Amino acid sequence: MEPMCGITGAGQESDDARRIRLERRIEQQRIARMEREQRKRDEAAMLLEEVGLMASMFEAQGFLNVPSSSEAILALPVPVVGETAEQGCSVCYQLFEKGDRLRTMPCSHTFHPKLHL
C-alpha cells in the first residue's frame, strides 16, 4: 500500500512533503523580503521628491539666497540650557553645557549664539 498525501505512516511526513513545505516557506520569505525592499525604495523616492519640492519652494521665495540680518538674529529668543527640548547645537552638533546661553530659531532649532554672529 502506498502512502497517501505525503504521509508515510503514524503522522510522519515524507521527504518530498517536507521539501515542498520548505521550498514554499523559502519562496514566501523571498517574496516578503522583495516587498519590504520595494516599500523602502518607494518611501525613499517619495522623500526625495518631497525634499525637492520643499527646496523649490524655498528657492522660489528667496529663502536660500538671503542670509538673516544681524538684527533678526539678535531678536531671536535667548533661552538657557534646560529651557529647550534640544540637547545639542544645530550648527556645531556639540552638546550644550549647563549655563550655556542659546539662540532659538523660528523653526525651534537651537544653537550657540557665537556661531551665528
PDB file of N, CA and C in Angstrom:
ATOM      1  N   MET A   1       0.846  -1.172   0.000  1.00  0.00           N
ATOM      2  CA  MET A   1       0.000   0.000   0.000  1.00  0.00           C
ATOM      3  C   MET A   1       0.893   1.237   0.000  1.00  0.00           C
ATOM      4  N   GLU A   2       0.586   2.217  -0.886  1.00  0.00           N
ATOM      5  CA  GLU A   2       1.378   3.440  -0.981  1.00  0.00           C
ATOM      6  C   GLU A   2       0.878   4.477   0.005  1.00  0.00           C
ATOM      7  N   PRO A   3       1.792   5.341   0.504  1.00  0.00           N
ATOM      8  CA  PRO A   3       1.371   6.398   1.426  1.00  0.00           C
ATOM      9  C   PRO A   3       0.440   7.381   0.729  1.00  0.00           C
ATOM     10  N   MET A   4      -0.478   7.952   1.488  1.00  0.00           N
ATOM     11  CA  MET A   4      -1.425   8.920   0.945  1.00  0.00           C
ATOM     12  C   MET A   4      -1.000  10.327   1.345  1.00  0.00           C
ATOM     13  N   CYS A   5      -1.109  11.267   0.406  1.00  0.00           N
ATOM     14  CA  CYS A   5      -0.895  12.694   0.678  1.00  0.00           C
ATOM     15  C   CYS A   5       0.445  12.973   1.369  1.00  0.00           C
ATOM     16  N   GLY A   6       1.490  12.277   1.015  1.00  0.00           N
ATOM     17  CA  GLY A   6       2.800  12.551   1.566  1.00  0.00           C
ATOM     18  C   GLY A   6       2.993  12.051   2.981  1.00  0.00           C
ATOM     19  N   ILE A   7       2.085  11.245   3.489  1.00  0.00           N
ATOM     20  CA  ILE A   7       2.201  10.711   4.843  1.00  0.00           C
ATOM     21  C   ILE A   7       2.681   9.276   4.727  1.00  0.00           C
ATOM     22  N   THR A   8       3.774   8.977   5.438  1.00  0.00           N
ATOM     23  CA  THR A   8       4.337   7.631   5.340  1.00  0.00           C
ATOM     24  C   THR A   8       3.778   6.707   6.404  1.00  0.00           C
ATOM     25  N   GLY A   9       3.191   7.245   7.390  1.00  0.00           N
ATOM     26  CA  GLY A   9       2.613   6.417   8.438  1.00  0.00           C
ATOM     27  C   GLY A   9       2.722   7.126   9.772  1.00  0.00           C
ATOM     28  N   ALA A  10       1.861   6.856  10.669  1.00  0.00           N
ATOM     29  CA  ALA A  10       1.850   7.367  12.038  1.00  0.00           C
ATOM     30  C   ALA A  10       2.236   8.842  12.126  1.00  0.00           C
ATOM     31  N   GLY A  11       1.746   9.682  11.186  1.00  0.00           N
ATOM     32  CA  GLY A  11       1.944  11.122  11.263  1.00  0.00           C
ATOM     33  C   GLY A  11       3.288  11.613  10.760  1.00  0.00           C
ATOM     34  N   GLN A  12       4.074  10.775  10.111  1.00  0.00           N
ATOM     35  CA  GLN A  12       5.367  11.218   9.603  1.00  0.00           C
ATOM     36  C   GLN A  12       5.216  11.710   8.172  1.00  0.00           C
ATOM     37  N   GLU A  13       5.849  12.862   7.894  1.00  0.00           N
ATOM     38  CA  GLU A  13       5.821  13.398   6.536  1.00  0.00           C
ATOM     39  C   GLU A  13       6.881  12.701   5.702  1.00  0.00           C
ATOM     40  N   SER A  14       6.597  12.592   4.436  1.00  0.00           N
ATOM     41  CA  SER A  14       7.619  12.055   3.547  1.00  0.00           C
ATOM     42  C   SER A  14       8.648  13.130   3.282  1.00  0.00           C
ATOM     43  N   ASP A  15       9.806  12.729   2.812  1.00  0.00           N
ATOM     44  CA  ASP A  15      10.863  13.685   2.482  1.00  0.00           C
ATOM     45  C   ASP A  15      10.378  14.678   1.433  1.00  0.00           C
ATOM     46  N   ASP A  16       9.602  14.203   0.470  1.00  0.00           N
ATOM     47  CA  ASP A  16       9.087  15.095  -0.578  1.00  0.00           C
ATOM     48  C   ASP A  16       8.160  16.152  -0.002  1.00  0.00           C
ATOM     49  N   ALA A  17       7.292  15.769   0.914  1.00  0.00           N
ATOM     50  CA  ALA A  17       6.352  16.720   1.519  1.00  0.00           C
ATOM     51  C   ALA A  17       7.111  17.766   2.329  1.00  0.00           C
ATOM     52  N   ARG A  18       8.139  17.356   3.088  1.00  0.00           N
ATOM     53  CA  ARG A  18       8.954  18.314   3.861  1.00  0.00           C
ATOM     54  C   ARG A  18       9.695  19.264   2.915  1.00  0.00           C
ATOM     55  N   ARG A  19      10.253  18.713   1.849  1.00  0.00           N
ATOM     56  CA  ARG A  19      10.974  19.530   0.886  1.00  0.00           C
ATOM     57  C   ARG A  19      10.048  20.563   0.254  1.00  0.00           C
ATOM     58  N   ILE A  20       8.859  20.155  -0.129  1.00  0.00           N
ATOM     59  CA  ILE A  20       7.884  21.067  -0.743  1.00  0.00           C
ATOM     60  C   ILE A  20       7.476  22.151   0.254  1.00  0.00           C
ATOM     61  N   ARG A  21       7.221  21.774   1.499  1.00  0.00           N
ATOM     62  CA  ARG A  21       6.849  22.748   2.528  1.00  0.00           C
ATOM     63  C   ARG A  21       7.981  23.746   2.759  1.00  0.00           C
ATOM     64  N   LEU A  22       9.217  23.241   2.808  1.00  0.00           N
ATOM     65  CA  LEU A  22      10.376  24.109   2.997  1.00  0.00           C
ATOM     66  C   LEU A  22      10.553  25.049   1.808  1.00  0.00           C
ATOM     67  N   GLU A  23      10.394  24.558   0.602  1.00  0.00           N
ATOM     68  CA  GLU A  23      10.524  25.395  -0.590  1.00  0.00           C
ATOM     69  C   GLU A  23       9.458  26.489  -0.607  1.00  0.00           C
ATOM     70  N   ARG A  24       8.244  26.146  -0.195  1.00  0.00           N
ATOM     71  CA  ARG A  24       7.175  27.153  -0.131  1.00  0.00           C
ATOM     72  C   ARG A  24       7.509  28.243   0.880  1.00  0.00           C
ATOM     73  N   ARG A  25       7.995  27.822   2.056  1.00  0.00           N
ATOM     74  CA  ARG A  25       8.355  28.784   3.083  1.00  0.00           C
ATOM     75  C   ARG A  25       9.489  29.696   2.601  1.00  0.00           C
ATOM     76  N   ILE A  26      10.486  29.139   1.953  1.00  0.00           N
ATOM     77  CA  ILE A  26      11.599  29.931   1.430  1.00  0.00           C
ATOM     78  C   ILE A  26      11.094  30.916   0.388  1.00  0.00           C
ATOM     79  N   GLU A  27      10.212  30.475  -0.469  1.00  0.00           N
ATOM     80  CA  GLU A  27       9.658  31.364  -1.506  1.00  0.00           C
ATOM     81  C   GLU A  27       8.825  32.484  -0.879  1.00  0.00           C
ATOM     82  N   GLN A  28       8.032  32.167   0.135  1.00  0.00           N
ATOM     83  CA  GLN A  28       7.250  33.199   0.819  1.00  0.00           C
ATOM     84  C   GLN A  28       8.155  34.232   1.478  1.00  0.00           C
ATOM     85  N   GLN A  29       9.242  33.783   2.086  1.00  0.00           N
ATOM     86  CA  GLN A  29      10.194  34.702   2.714  1.00  0.00           C
ATOM     87  C   GLN A  29      10.883  35.572   1.669  1.00  0.00           C
ATOM     88  N   ARG A  30      11.227  34.982   0.533  1.00  0.00           N
ATOM     89  CA  ARG A  30      11.855  35.738  -0.550  1.00  0.00           C
ATOM     90  C   ARG A  30      10.920  36.827  -1.058  1.00  0.00           C
ATOM     91  N   ILE A  31       9.657  36.480  -1.255  1.00  0.00           N
ATOM     92  CA  ILE A  31       8.663  37.449  -1.731  1.00  0.00           C
ATOM     93  C   ILE A  31       8.464  38.553  -0.698  1.00  0.00           C
ATOM     94  N   ALA A  32       8.370  38.195   0.572  1.00  0.00           N
ATOM     95  CA  ALA A  32       8.196  39.197   1.633  1.00  0.00           C
ATOM     96  C   ALA A  32       9.394  40.137   1.682  1.00  0.00           C
ATOM     97  N   ARG A  33      10.611  39.600   1.534  1.00  0.00           N
ATOM     98  CA  ARG A  33      11.815  40.428   1.542  1.00  0.00           C
ATOM     99  C   ARG A  33      11.817  41.391   0.350  1.00  0.00           C
ATOM    100  N   MET A  34      11.429  40.898  -0.818  1.00  0.00           N
ATOM    101  CA  MET A  34      11.365  41.748  -2.008  1.00  0.00           C
ATOM    102  C   MET A  34      10.335  42.863  -1.830  1.00  0.00           C
ATOM    103  N   GLU A  35       9.197  42.546  -1.227  1.00  0.00           N
ATOM    104  CA  GLU A  35       8.163  43.555  -0.989  1.00  0.00           C
ATOM    105  C   GLU A  35       8.648  44.616  -0.008  1.00  0.00           C
ATOM    106  N   ARG A  36       9.355  44.196   1.057  1.00  0.00           N
ATOM    107  CA  ARG A  36       9.911  45.165   2.019  1.00  0.00           C
ATOM    108  C   ARG A  36      10.925  46.084   1.343  1.00  0.00           C
ATOM    109  N   GLU A  37      11.788  45.502   0.526  1.00  0.00           N
ATOM    110  CA  GLU A  37      12.795  46.299  -0.173  1.00  0.00           C
ATOM    111  C   GLU A  37      12.132  47.295  -1.130  1.00  0.00           C
ATOM    112  N   GLN A  38      11.075  46.869  -1.810  1.00  0.00           N
ATOM    113  CA  GLN A  38      10.376  47.770  -2.733  1.00  0.00           C
ATOM    114  C   GLN A  38       9.696  48.901  -1.967  1.00  0.00           C
ATOM    115  N   ARG A  39       9.110  48.589  -0.805  1.00  0.00           N
ATOM    116  CA  ARG A  39       8.499  49.636   0.014  1.00  0.00           C
ATOM    117  C   ARG A  39       9.544  50.660   0.442  1.00  0.00           C
ATOM    118  N   LYS A  40      10.737  50.191   0.833  1.00  0.00           N
ATOM    119  CA  LYS A  40      11.815  51.103   1.229  1.00  0.00           C
ATOM    120  C   LYS A  40      12.219  51.993   0.060  1.00  0.00           C
ATOM    121  N   ARG A  41      12.338  51.416  -1.143  1.00  0.00           N
ATOM    122  CA  ARG A  41      12.693  52.220  -2.319  1.00  0.00           C
ATOM    123  C   ARG A  41      11.604  53.242  -2.619  1.00  0.00           C
ATOM    124  N   ASP A  42      10.347  52.837  -2.500  1.00  0.00           N
ATOM    125  CA  ASP A  42       9.230  53.755  -2.743  1.00  0.00           C
ATOM    126  C   ASP A  42       9.231  54.899  -1.733  1.00  0.00           C
ATOM    127  N   GLU A  43       9.453  54.570  -0.454  1.00  0.00           N
ATOM    128  CA  GLU A  43       9.481  55.605   0.585  1.00  0.00           C
ATOM    129  C   GLU A  43      10.639  56.575   0.354  1.00  0.00           C
ATOM    130  N   ALA A  44      11.809  56.044  -0.037  1.00  0.00           N
ATOM    131  CA  ALA A  44      12.973  56.903  -0.298  1.00  0.00           C
ATOM    132  C   ALA A  44      12.689  57.825  -1.485  1.00  0.00           C
ATOM    133  N   ALA A  45      12.057  57.300  -2.527  1.00  0.00           N
ATOM    134  CA  ALA A  45      11.736  58.122  -3.698  1.00  0.00           C
ATOM    135  C   ALA A  45      10.743  59.220  -3.332  1.00  0.00           C
ATOM    136  N   MET A  46       9.744  58.895  -2.514  1.00  0.00           N
ATOM    137  CA  MET A  46       8.773  59.903  -2.091  1.00  0.00           C
ATOM    138  C   MET A  46       9.442  60.976  -1.242  1.00  0.00           C
ATOM    139  N   LEU A  47      10.343  60.572  -0.361  1.00  0.00           N
ATOM    140  CA  LEU A  47      11.046  61.527   0.487  1.00  0.00           C
ATOM    141  C   LEU A  47      11.910  62.458  -0.361  1.00  0.00           C
ATOM    142  N   LEU A  48      12.631  61.900  -1.329  1.00  0.00           N
ATOM    143  CA  LEU A  48      13.449  62.732  -2.214  1.00  0.00           C
ATOM    144  C   LEU A  48      12.582  63.722  -2.993  1.00  0.00           C
ATOM    145  N   GLU A  49      11.428  63.260  -3.436  1.00  0.00           N
ATOM    146  CA  GLU A  49      10.521  64.148  -4.159  1.00  0.00           C
ATOM    147  C   GLU A  49      10.036  65.282  -3.253  1.00  0.00           C
ATOM    148  N   GLU A  50       9.687  64.955  -2.000  1.00  0.00           N
ATOM    149  CA  GLU A  50       9.231  65.982  -1.058  1.00  0.00           C
ATOM    150  C   GLU A  50      10.339  66.992  -0.769  1.00  0.00           C
ATOM    151  N   VAL A  51      11.561  66.500  -0.579  1.00  0.00           N
ATOM    152  CA  VAL A  51      12.688  67.398  -0.316  1.00  0.00           C
ATOM    153  C   VAL A  51      12.911  68.308  -1.514  1.00  0.00           C
ATOM    154  N   GLY A  52      12.823  67.756  -2.704  1.00  0.00           N
ATOM    155  CA  GLY A  52      12.975  68.564  -3.909  1.00  0.00           C
ATOM    156  C   GLY A  52      11.905  69.638  -4.016  1.00  0.00           C
ATOM    157  N   LEU A  53      10.667  69.280  -3.701  1.00  0.00           N
ATOM    158  CA  LEU A  53       9.575  70.259  -3.738  1.00  0.00           C
ATOM    159  C   LEU A  53       9.788  71.357  -2.705  1.00  0.00           C
ATOM    160  N   MET A  54      10.214  70.978  -1.507  1.00  0.00           N
ATOM    161  CA  MET A  54      10.451  71.975  -0.473  1.00  0.00           C
ATOM    162  C   MET A  54      11.595  72.907  -0.868  1.00  0.00           C
ATOM    163  N   ALA A  55      12.657  72.352  -1.430  1.00  0.00           N
ATOM    164  CA  ALA A  55      13.785  73.185  -1.860  1.00  0.00           C
ATOM    165  C   ALA A  55      13.342  74.148  -2.952  1.00  0.00           C
ATOM    166  N   SER A  56      12.509  73.670  -3.850  1.00  0.00           N
ATOM    167  CA  SER A  56      11.990  74.542  -4.917  1.00  0.00           C
ATOM    168  C   SER A  56      11.154  75.675  -4.333  1.00  0.00           C
ATOM    169  N   MET A  57      10.328  75.345  -3.340  1.00  0.00           N
ATOM    170  CA  MET A  57       9.501  76.379  -2.707  1.00  0.00           C
ATOM    171  C   MET A  57      10.372  77.415  -2.015  1.00  0.00           C
ATOM    172  N   PHE A  58      11.367  76.947  -1.262  1.00  0.00           N
ATOM    173  CA  PHE A  58      12.257  77.881  -0.571  1.00  0.00           C
ATOM    174  C   PHE A  58      13.005  78.762  -1.556  1.00  0.00           C
ATOM    175  N   GLU A  59      13.478  78.153  -2.624  1.00  0.00           N
ATOM    176  CA  GLU A  59      14.228  78.921  -3.625  1.00  0.00           C
ATOM    177  C   GLU A  59      13.327  79.939  -4.308  1.00  0.00           C
ATOM    178  N   ALA A  60      12.101  79.537  -4.636  1.00  0.00           N
ATOM    179  CA  ALA A  60      11.158  80.449  -5.288  1.00  0.00           C
ATOM    180  C   ALA A  60      10.830  81.642  -4.394  1.00  0.00           C
ATOM    181  N   GLN A  61      10.830  81.427  -3.084  1.00  0.00           N
ATOM    182  CA  GLN A  61      10.515  82.504  -2.157  1.00  0.00           C
ATOM    183  C   GLN A  61      11.764  83.265  -1.714  1.00  0.00           C
ATOM    184  N   GLY A  62      12.927  82.872  -2.230  1.00  0.00           N
ATOM    185  CA  GLY A  62      14.157  83.580  -1.925  1.00  0.00           C
ATOM    186  C   GLY A  62      14.784  83.234  -0.596  1.00  0.00           C
ATOM    187  N   PHE A  63      14.307  82.186   0.084  1.00  0.00           N
ATOM    188  CA  PHE A  63      14.848  81.837   1.396  1.00  0.00           C
ATOM    189  C   PHE A  63      16.300  81.381   1.321  1.00  0.00           C
ATOM    190  N   LEU A  64      16.680  80.753   0.232  1.00  0.00           N
ATOM    191  CA  LEU A  64      18.026  80.202   0.151  1.00  0.00           C
ATOM    192  C   LEU A  64      19.062  81.250  -0.236  1.00  0.00           C
ATOM    193  N   ASN A  65      18.637  82.405  -0.679  1.00  0.00           N
ATOM    194  CA  ASN A  65      19.564  83.391  -1.193  1.00  0.00           C
ATOM    195  C   ASN A  65      19.826  84.542  -0.240  1.00  0.00           C
ATOM    196  N   VAL A  66      18.975  84.745   0.740  1.00  0.00           N
ATOM    197  CA  VAL A  66      19.091  85.913   1.604  1.00  0.00           C
ATOM    198  C   VAL A  66      19.460  85.468   3.015  1.00  0.00           C
ATOM    199  N   PRO A  67      20.663  85.830   3.476  1.00  0.00           N
ATOM    200  CA  PRO A  67      21.020  85.463   4.852  1.00  0.00           C
ATOM    201  C   PRO A  67      20.248  86.325   5.846  1.00  0.00           C
ATOM    202  N   SER A  68      20.133  85.826   7.042  1.00  0.00           N
ATOM    203  CA  SER A  68      19.451  86.595   8.086  1.00  0.00           C
ATOM    204  C   SER A  68      20.290  87.809   8.460  1.00  0.00           C
ATOM    205  N   SER A  69      19.620  88.880   8.750  1.00  0.00           N
ATOM    206  CA  SER A  69      20.335  90.089   9.177  1.00  0.00           C
ATOM    207  C   SER A  69      20.774  89.923  10.629  1.00  0.00           C
ATOM    208  N   SER A  70      21.774  90.694  11.013  1.00  0.00           N
ATOM    209  CA  SER A  70      22.234  90.659  12.408  1.00  0.00           C
ATOM    210  C   SER A  70      21.117  91.048  13.354  1.00  0.00           C
ATOM    211  N   GLU A  71      20.287  92.010  12.924  1.00  0.00           N
ATOM    212  CA  GLU A  71      19.173  92.449  13.765  1.00  0.00           C
ATOM    213  C   GLU A  71      18.184  91.303  13.993  1.00  0.00           C
ATOM    214  N   ALA A  72      17.916  90.546  12.930  1.00  0.00           N
ATOM    215  CA  ALA A  72      16.971  89.430  13.054  1.00  0.00           C
ATOM    216  C   ALA A  72      17.532  88.359  13.987  1.00  0.00           C
ATOM    217  N   ILE A  73      18.817  88.092  13.873  1.00  0.00           N
ATOM    218  CA  ILE A  73      19.439  87.085  14.733  1.00  0.00           C
ATOM    219  C   ILE A  73      19.435  87.549  16.189  1.00  0.00           C
ATOM    220  N   LEU A  74      19.758  88.811  16.407  1.00  0.00           N
ATOM    221  CA  LEU A  74      19.776  89.336  17.775  1.00  0.00           C
ATOM    222  C   LEU A  74      18.384  89.367  18.401  1.00  0.00           C
ATOM    223  N   ALA A  75      17.350  89.387  17.562  1.00  0.00           N
ATOM    224  CA  ALA A  75      15.977  89.417  18.065  1.00  0.00           C
ATOM    225  C   ALA A  75      15.444  88.030  18.421  1.00  0.00           C
ATOM    226  N   LEU A  76      16.203  86.978  18.086  1.00  0.00           N
ATOM    227  CA  LEU A  76      15.750  85.618  18.403  1.00  0.00           C
ATOM    228  C   LEU A  76      15.743  85.403  19.913  1.00  0.00           C
ATOM    229  N   PRO A  77      14.864  84.552  20.409  1.00  0.00           N
ATOM    230  CA  PRO A  77      14.829  84.244  21.848  1.00  0.00           C
ATOM    231  C   PRO A  77      16.181  83.717  22.330  1.00  0.00           C
ATOM    232  N   VAL A  78      16.529  84.018  23.588  1.00  0.00           N
ATOM    233  CA  VAL A  78      17.804  83.606  24.178  1.00  0.00           C
ATOM    234  C   VAL A  78      17.531  82.761  25.424  1.00  0.00           C
ATOM    235  N   PRO A  79      17.172  81.486  25.232  1.00  0.00           N
ATOM    236  CA  PRO A  79      16.956  80.623  26.399  1.00  0.00           C
ATOM    237  C   PRO A  79      18.299  80.132  26.945  1.00  0.00           C
ATOM    238  N   VAL A  80      18.245  79.498  28.101  1.00  0.00           N
ATOM    239  CA  VAL A  80      19.426  78.832  28.647  1.00  0.00           C
ATOM    240  C   VAL A  80      19.182  77.327  28.558  1.00  0.00           C
ATOM    241  N   VAL A  81      20.242  76.570  28.732  1.00  0.00           N
ATOM    242  CA  VAL A  81      20.126  75.113  28.653  1.00  0.00           C
ATOM    243  C   VAL A  81      19.058  74.637  29.637  1.00  0.00           C
ATOM    244  N   GLY A  82      18.209  73.755  29.181  1.00  0.00           N
ATOM    245  CA  GLY A  82      17.129  73.226  30.006  1.00  0.00           C
ATOM    246  C   GLY A  82      15.785  73.844  29.658  1.00  0.00           C
ATOM    247  N   GLU A  83      15.810  75.019  29.015  1.00  0.00           N
ATOM    248  CA  GLU A  83      14.558  75.666  28.624  1.00  0.00           C
ATOM    249  C   GLU A  83      14.130  75.253  27.220  1.00  0.00           C
ATOM    250  N   THR A  84      14.947  74.467  26.548  1.00  0.00           N
ATOM    251  CA  THR A  84      14.615  73.995  25.197  1.00  0.00           C
ATOM    252  C   THR A  84      14.592  72.477  25.196  1.00  0.00           C
ATOM    253  N   ALA A  85      13.962  71.908  24.192  1.00  0.00           N
ATOM    254  CA  ALA A  85      13.904  70.450  24.082  1.00  0.00           C
ATOM    255  C   ALA A  85      15.214  69.880  23.555  1.00  0.00           C
ATOM    256  N   GLU A  86      15.950  70.674  22.790  1.00  0.00           N
ATOM    257  CA  GLU A  86      17.185  70.183  22.197  1.00  0.00           C
ATOM    258  C   GLU A  86      18.303  70.104  23.228  1.00  0.00           C
ATOM    259  N   GLN A  87      19.161  69.116  23.054  1.00  0.00           N
ATOM    260  CA  GLN A  87      20.276  68.923  23.971  1.00  0.00           C
ATOM    261  C   GLN A  87      21.602  69.294  23.330  1.00  0.00           C
ATOM    262  N   GLY A  88      21.577  69.558  22.019  1.00  0.00           N
ATOM    263  CA  GLY A  88      22.807  69.884  21.315  1.00  0.00           C
ATOM    264  C   GLY A  88      22.577  70.974  20.292  1.00  0.00           C
ATOM    265  N   CYS A  89      23.680  71.563  19.851  1.00  0.00           N
ATOM    266  CA  CYS A  89      23.663  72.681  18.912  1.00  0.00           C
ATOM    267  C   CYS A  89      23.330  72.195  17.506  1.00  0.00           C
ATOM    268  N   SER A  90      22.435  72.902  16.832  1.00  0.00           N
ATOM    269  CA  SER A  90      22.039  72.549  15.472  1.00  0.00           C
ATOM    270  C   SER A  90      23.075  72.978  14.440  1.00  0.00           C
ATOM    271  N   VAL A  91      24.069  73.753  14.864  1.00  0.00           N
ATOM    272  CA  VAL A  91      25.096  74.223  13.937  1.00  0.00           C
ATOM    273  C   VAL A  91      26.377  73.402  14.093  1.00  0.00           C
ATOM    274  N   CYS A  92      26.927  73.329  15.314  1.00  0.00           N
ATOM    275  CA  CYS A  92      28.207  72.629  15.523  1.00  0.00           C
ATOM    276  C   CYS A  92      28.023  71.204  16.051  1.00  0.00           C
ATOM    277  N   TYR A  93      26.802  70.831  16.415  1.00  0.00           N
ATOM    278  CA  TYR A  93      26.445  69.493  16.886  1.00  0.00           C
ATOM    279  C   TYR A  93      27.057  69.123  18.237  1.00  0.00           C
ATOM    280  N   GLN A  94      27.643  70.076  18.955  1.00  0.00           N
ATOM    281  CA  GLN A  94      28.157  69.787  20.292  1.00  0.00           C
ATOM    282  C   GLN A  94      27.008  69.845  21.291  1.00  0.00           C
ATOM    283  N   LEU A  95      27.121  69.051  22.339  1.00  0.00           N
ATOM    284  CA  LEU A  95      26.106  69.072  23.388  1.00  0.00           C
ATOM    285  C   LEU A  95      26.199  70.384  24.151  1.00  0.00           C
ATOM    286  N   PHE A  96      25.049  70.888  24.557  1.00  0.00           N
ATOM    287  CA  PHE A  96      25.021  72.093  25.371  1.00  0.00           C
ATOM    288  C   PHE A  96      25.501  71.756  26.776  1.00  0.00           C
ATOM    289  N   GLU A  97      26.099  72.737  27.424  1.00  0.00           N
ATOM    290  CA  GLU A  97      26.539  72.563  28.806  1.00  0.00           C
ATOM    291  C   GLU A  97      25.689  73.442  29.704  1.00  0.00           C
ATOM    292  N   LYS A  98      25.564  73.027  30.935  1.00  0.00           N
ATOM    293  CA  LYS A  98      24.753  73.777  31.894  1.00  0.00           C
ATOM    294  C   LYS A  98      25.235  75.229  31.946  1.00  0.00           C
ATOM    295  N   GLY A  99      24.280  76.150  31.858  1.00  0.00           N
ATOM    296  CA  GLY A  99      24.592  77.571  31.911  1.00  0.00           C
ATOM    297  C   GLY A  99      24.800  78.215  30.549  1.00  0.00           C
ATOM    298  N   ASP A 100      24.923  77.408  29.482  1.00  0.00           N
ATOM    299  CA  ASP A 100      25.082  77.981  28.139  1.00  0.00           C
ATOM    300  C   ASP A 100      23.875  78.835  27.784  1.00  0.00           C
ATOM    301  N   ARG A 101      24.135  79.980  27.179  1.00  0.00           N
ATOM    302  CA  ARG A 101      23.056  80.794  26.634  1.00  0.00           C
ATOM    303  C   ARG A 101      22.925  80.382  25.172  1.00  0.00           C
ATOM    304  N   LEU A 102      21.729  80.343  24.687  1.00  0.00           N
ATOM    305  CA  LEU A 102      21.454  79.827  23.346  1.00  0.00           C
ATOM    306  C   LEU A 102      20.666  80.839  22.531  1.00  0.00           C
ATOM    307  N   ARG A 103      20.474  80.545  21.278  1.00  0.00           N
ATOM    308  CA  ARG A 103      19.529  81.270  20.426  1.00  0.00           C
ATOM    309  C   ARG A 103      18.611  80.210  19.826  1.00  0.00           C
ATOM    310  N   THR A 104      17.338  80.537  19.729  1.00  0.00           N
ATOM    311  CA  THR A 104      16.361  79.616  19.157  1.00  0.00           C
ATOM    312  C   THR A 104      15.779  80.234  17.896  1.00  0.00           C
ATOM    313  N   MET A 105      15.922  79.497  16.796  1.00  0.00           N
ATOM    314  CA  MET A 105      15.387  79.957  15.507  1.00  0.00           C
ATOM    315  C   MET A 105      13.873  79.740  15.473  1.00  0.00           C
ATOM    316  N   PRO A 106      13.182  80.401  14.541  1.00  0.00           N
ATOM    317  CA  PRO A 106      11.728  80.217  14.431  1.00  0.00           C
ATOM    318  C   PRO A 106      11.314  78.762  14.213  1.00  0.00           C
ATOM    319  N   CYS A 107      12.210  77.954  13.630  1.00  0.00           N
ATOM    320  CA  CYS A 107      11.901  76.535  13.401  1.00  0.00           C
ATOM    321  C   CYS A 107      12.129  75.701  14.659  1.00  0.00           C
ATOM    322  N   SER A 108      12.527  76.335  15.760  1.00  0.00           N
ATOM    323  CA  SER A 108      12.777  75.719  17.069  1.00  0.00           C
ATOM    324  C   SER A 108      14.153  75.076  17.194  1.00  0.00           C
ATOM    325  N   HIS A 109      15.001  75.132  16.166  1.00  0.00           N
ATOM    326  CA  HIS A 109      16.366  74.655  16.327  1.00  0.00           C
ATOM    327  C   HIS A 109      17.126  75.651  17.203  1.00  0.00           C
ATOM    328  N   THR A 110      18.022  75.123  18.007  1.00  0.00           N
ATOM    329  CA  THR A 110      18.756  75.940  18.963  1.00  0.00           C
ATOM    330  C   THR A 110      20.248  75.849  18.659  1.00  0.00           C
ATOM    331  N   PHE A 111      20.960  76.944  18.865  1.00  0.00           N
ATOM    332  CA  PHE A 111      22.389  76.959  18.570  1.00  0.00           C
ATOM    333  C   PHE A 111      23.109  77.894  19.529  1.00  0.00           C
ATOM    334  N   HIS A 112      24.444  77.757  19.558  1.00  0.00           N
ATOM    335  CA  HIS A 112      25.268  78.665  20.348  1.00  0.00           C
ATOM    336  C   HIS A 112      25.293  80.013  19.645  1.00  0.00           C
ATOM    337  N   PRO A 113      25.018  81.124  20.312  1.00  0.00           N
ATOM    338  CA  PRO A 113      24.986  82.429  19.665  1.00  0.00           C
ATOM    339  C   PRO A 113      26.298  82.804  18.991  1.00  0.00           C
ATOM    340  N   LYS A 114      27.422  82.424  19.554  1.00  0.00           N
ATOM    341  CA  LYS A 114      28.718  82.812  18.999  1.00  0.00           C
ATOM    342  C   LYS A 114      28.939  82.236  17.596  1.00  0.00           C
ATOM    343  N   LEU A 115      28.233  81.185  17.233  1.00  0.00           N
ATOM    344  CA  LEU A 115      28.412  80.560  15.926  1.00  0.00           C
ATOM    345  C   LEU A 115      27.716  81.328  14.819  1.00  0.00           C
ATOM    346  N   HIS A 116      26.761  82.143  15.144  1.00  0.00           N
ATOM    347  CA  HIS A 116      25.967  82.793  14.111  1.00  0.00           C
ATOM    348  C   HIS A 116      26.319  84.271  13.933  1.00  0.00           C
ATOM    349  N   LEU A 117      27.003  84.843  14.857  1.00  0.00           N
ATOM    350  CA  LEU A 117      27.318  86.270  14.764  1.00  0.00           C
ATOM    351  C   LEU A 117      28.759  86.502  14.434  1.00  0.00           C
TER     352      LEU A 117
END
